[in-house]
Amino acid sequence: MASKKAEEEQQEYVEKQIREAREGEYPEHKSISVAENGSMVNDMEDLKQLGEDMEEMSTNSEDHEQGIVADPEQ
């Protein structure tokens, strides 16, 4: 079943992020006074992390092949 496979992949992705966070893979959160509100990234370190996160995400085409529909469909 395609949705079961997609759910398993999502669970594995979340577990990997949790494991890496525990191992210190991700930088500490910035204080509110340092973070720039409304910005996707605040510095080069954030940009690199965002790039790594985006590379691991499936594209819409890959999701569609697995039977996953965007919610809400746009």
N, C-alpha and C. Protein backbone atom coordinates (compact mmCIF):
# COMPACT_ATOMS: atom_id res chain seq x y z
N MET A 1 0.84 -1.19 0.00
CA MET A 1 0.00 0.00 0.00
C MET A 1 0.88 1.24 0.00
N ALA A 2 0.65 2.15 -0.94
CA ALA A 2 1.53 3.31 -1.12
C ALA A 2 1.54 4.22 0.09
N SER A 3 0.37 4.51 0.68
CA SER A 3 0.33 5.43 1.82
C SER A 3 1.05 4.85 3.03
N LYS A 4 0.99 3.53 3.21
CA LYS A 4 1.71 2.90 4.32
C LYS A 4 3.20 3.11 4.13
N LYS A 5 3.69 2.90 2.91
CA LYS A 5 5.11 3.09 2.62
C LYS A 5 5.51 4.54 2.87
N ALA A 6 4.70 5.48 2.44
CA ALA A 6 5.00 6.89 2.64
C ALA A 6 5.02 7.23 4.13
N GLU A 7 4.09 6.66 4.89
CA GLU A 7 4.05 6.90 6.33
C GLU A 7 5.31 6.34 6.99
N GLU A 8 5.75 5.18 6.53
CA GLU A 8 6.97 4.58 7.09
C GLU A 8 8.18 5.46 6.78
N GLU A 9 8.24 5.97 5.55
CA GLU A 9 9.35 6.85 5.17
C GLU A 9 9.34 8.12 6.01
N GLN A 10 8.17 8.67 6.23
CA GLN A 10 8.07 9.87 7.05
C GLN A 10 8.53 9.59 8.47
N GLN A 11 8.11 8.45 9.02
CA GLN A 11 8.50 8.08 10.38
C GLN A 11 10.02 7.92 10.47
N GLU A 12 10.62 7.27 9.47
CA GLU A 12 12.07 7.10 9.46
C GLU A 12 12.78 8.46 9.41
N TYR A 13 12.25 9.38 8.61
CA TYR A 13 12.84 10.72 8.49
C TYR A 13 12.79 11.45 9.82
N VAL A 14 11.65 11.39 10.49
CA VAL A 14 11.50 12.05 11.79
C VAL A 14 12.43 11.42 12.82
N GLU A 15 12.49 10.10 12.84
CA GLU A 15 13.37 9.41 13.79
C GLU A 15 14.82 9.76 13.54
N LYS A 16 15.21 9.90 12.27
CA LYS A 16 16.59 10.27 11.93
C LYS A 16 16.89 11.68 12.45
N GLN A 17 15.95 12.61 12.27
CA GLN A 17 16.17 13.98 12.76
C GLN A 17 16.30 14.00 14.28
N ILE A 18 15.46 13.24 14.96
CA ILE A 18 15.52 13.18 16.42
C ILE A 18 16.86 12.61 16.86
N ARG A 19 17.28 11.52 16.22
CA ARG A 19 18.55 10.88 16.57
C ARG A 19 19.72 11.85 16.34
N GLU A 20 19.73 12.53 15.19
CA GLU A 20 20.81 13.47 14.90
C GLU A 20 20.81 14.65 15.86
N ALA A 21 19.63 15.10 16.26
CA ALA A 21 19.56 16.20 17.22
C ALA A 21 20.14 15.76 18.56
N ARG A 22 19.84 14.54 18.98
CA ARG A 22 20.38 14.04 20.24
C ARG A 22 21.89 13.89 20.19
N GLU A 23 22.41 13.57 18.99
CA GLU A 23 23.85 13.38 18.83
C GLU A 23 24.58 14.70 18.61
N GLY A 24 23.85 15.80 18.62
CA GLY A 24 24.48 17.12 18.46
C GLY A 24 24.70 17.52 17.02
N GLU A 25 24.02 16.87 16.09
CA GLU A 25 24.18 17.18 14.67
C GLU A 25 23.67 18.59 14.34
N TYR A 26 22.61 19.01 15.01
CA TYR A 26 22.00 20.30 14.72
C TYR A 26 22.51 21.36 15.70
N PRO A 27 22.64 22.58 15.22
CA PRO A 27 23.11 23.66 16.10
C PRO A 27 22.05 24.00 17.15
N GLU A 28 22.49 24.62 18.21
CA GLU A 28 21.58 25.07 19.27
C GLU A 28 20.66 26.15 18.70
N HIS A 29 19.49 26.26 19.29
CA HIS A 29 18.56 27.31 18.88
C HIS A 29 19.14 28.67 19.24
N LYS A 30 18.82 29.63 18.41
CA LYS A 30 19.26 31.00 18.68
C LYS A 30 18.27 31.66 19.64
N SER A 31 18.76 32.62 20.40
CA SER A 31 17.86 33.34 21.28
C SER A 31 16.95 34.23 20.43
N ILE A 32 15.83 34.59 20.97
CA ILE A 32 14.87 35.42 20.24
C ILE A 32 15.48 36.76 19.87
N SER A 33 16.33 37.27 20.72
CA SER A 33 16.93 38.58 20.43
C SER A 33 17.91 38.52 19.25
N VAL A 34 18.43 37.32 18.95
CA VAL A 34 19.38 37.18 17.86
C VAL A 34 18.68 36.75 16.57
N ALA A 35 17.66 35.91 16.68
CA ALA A 35 16.96 35.41 15.51
C ALA A 35 16.22 36.54 14.80
N GLU A 36 16.18 36.47 13.48
CA GLU A 36 15.48 37.47 12.70
C GLU A 36 14.08 36.95 12.39
N ASN A 37 13.10 37.55 12.97
CA ASN A 37 11.72 37.13 12.77
C ASN A 37 11.32 37.35 11.32
N GLY A 38 10.63 36.37 10.74
CA GLY A 38 10.15 36.49 9.37
C GLY A 38 11.16 36.05 8.33
N SER A 39 12.32 35.62 8.76
CA SER A 39 13.34 35.17 7.82
C SER A 39 13.47 33.65 7.90
N MET A 40 13.62 33.02 6.74
CA MET A 40 13.73 31.57 6.72
C MET A 40 15.06 31.12 7.34
N VAL A 41 16.10 31.89 7.12
CA VAL A 41 17.40 31.59 7.72
C VAL A 41 18.00 32.87 8.28
N ASN A 42 18.83 32.72 9.28
CA ASN A 42 19.44 33.88 9.92
C ASN A 42 20.93 34.02 9.64
N ASP A 43 21.56 32.93 9.22
CA ASP A 43 22.99 32.99 8.93
C ASP A 43 23.38 31.79 8.06
N MET A 44 24.64 31.71 7.72
CA MET A 44 25.11 30.65 6.83
C MET A 44 24.88 29.26 7.43
N GLU A 45 25.01 29.13 8.73
CA GLU A 45 24.78 27.85 9.40
C GLU A 45 23.34 27.39 9.20
N ASP A 46 22.39 28.30 9.37
CA ASP A 46 20.98 27.99 9.14
C ASP A 46 20.75 27.61 7.67
N LEU A 47 21.39 28.33 6.76
CA LEU A 47 21.22 28.07 5.34
C LEU A 47 21.71 26.68 4.97
N LYS A 48 22.85 26.29 5.50
CA LYS A 48 23.38 24.94 5.23
C LYS A 48 22.44 23.88 5.76
N GLN A 49 21.92 24.08 6.97
CA GLN A 49 21.00 23.11 7.57
C GLN A 49 19.72 23.02 6.75
N LEU A 50 19.20 24.16 6.32
CA LEU A 50 17.99 24.17 5.51
C LEU A 50 18.23 23.42 4.20
N GLY A 51 19.38 23.62 3.59
CA GLY A 51 19.72 22.92 2.35
C GLY A 51 19.74 21.42 2.55
N GLU A 52 20.34 20.96 3.65
CA GLU A 52 20.38 19.53 3.94
C GLU A 52 18.97 18.98 4.15
N ASP A 53 18.14 19.73 4.87
CA ASP A 53 16.76 19.30 5.11
C ASP A 53 15.99 19.21 3.80
N MET A 54 16.15 20.21 2.94
CA MET A 54 15.42 20.24 1.68
C MET A 54 15.86 19.10 0.75
N GLU A 55 17.14 18.76 0.75
CA GLU A 55 17.63 17.66 -0.08
C GLU A 55 17.00 16.33 0.30
N GLU A 56 16.67 16.16 1.57
CA GLU A 56 16.10 14.90 2.04
C GLU A 56 14.60 14.81 1.78
N MET A 57 13.96 15.93 1.44
CA MET A 57 12.52 15.92 1.20
C MET A 57 12.21 15.38 -0.20
N SER A 58 11.06 14.75 -0.31
CA SER A 58 10.59 14.26 -1.61
C SER A 58 10.04 15.42 -2.41
N THR A 59 10.15 15.32 -3.73
CA THR A 59 9.54 16.32 -4.60
C THR A 59 8.06 15.99 -4.75
N ASN A 60 7.28 16.94 -5.26
CA ASN A 60 5.87 16.69 -5.50
C ASN A 60 5.68 15.53 -6.47
N SER A 61 6.54 15.43 -7.48
CA SER A 61 6.44 14.33 -8.44
C SER A 61 6.68 12.99 -7.76
N GLU A 62 7.67 12.92 -6.89
CA GLU A 62 7.96 11.68 -6.16
C GLU A 62 6.79 11.31 -5.24
N ASP A 63 6.23 12.32 -4.58
CA ASP A 63 5.07 12.07 -3.72
C ASP A 63 3.90 11.55 -4.55
N HIS A 64 3.66 12.18 -5.70
CA HIS A 64 2.54 11.78 -6.55
C HIS A 64 2.71 10.33 -7.01
N GLU A 65 3.94 9.92 -7.34
CA GLU A 65 4.20 8.54 -7.76
C GLU A 65 3.86 7.55 -6.66
N GLN A 66 3.99 7.98 -5.41
CA GLN A 66 3.67 7.12 -4.27
C GLN A 66 2.20 7.21 -3.86
N GLY A 67 1.43 8.02 -4.59
CA GLY A 67 0.02 8.15 -4.29
C GLY A 67 -0.30 9.18 -3.23
N ILE A 68 0.65 10.05 -2.93
CA ILE A 68 0.44 11.08 -1.92
C ILE A 68 -0.07 12.34 -2.62
N VAL A 69 -1.15 12.92 -2.09
CA VAL A 69 -1.74 14.13 -2.66
C VAL A 69 -1.48 15.27 -1.68
N ALA A 70 -1.08 16.41 -2.22
CA ALA A 70 -0.83 17.58 -1.38
C ALA A 70 -2.09 17.95 -0.63
N ASP A 71 -1.92 18.38 0.60
CA ASP A 71 -3.06 18.75 1.42
C ASP A 71 -2.85 20.15 1.96
N PRO A 72 -3.59 21.13 1.59
CA PRO A 72 -4.67 21.04 0.60
C PRO A 72 -4.11 21.04 -0.81
N GLU A 73 -4.80 20.37 -1.69
CA GLU A 73 -4.35 20.30 -3.08
C GLU A 73 -4.39 21.69 -3.66
N GLN A 74 -3.31 22.11 -4.29
CA GLN A 74 -3.24 23.47 -4.84
C GLN A 74 -3.01 23.42 -6.34
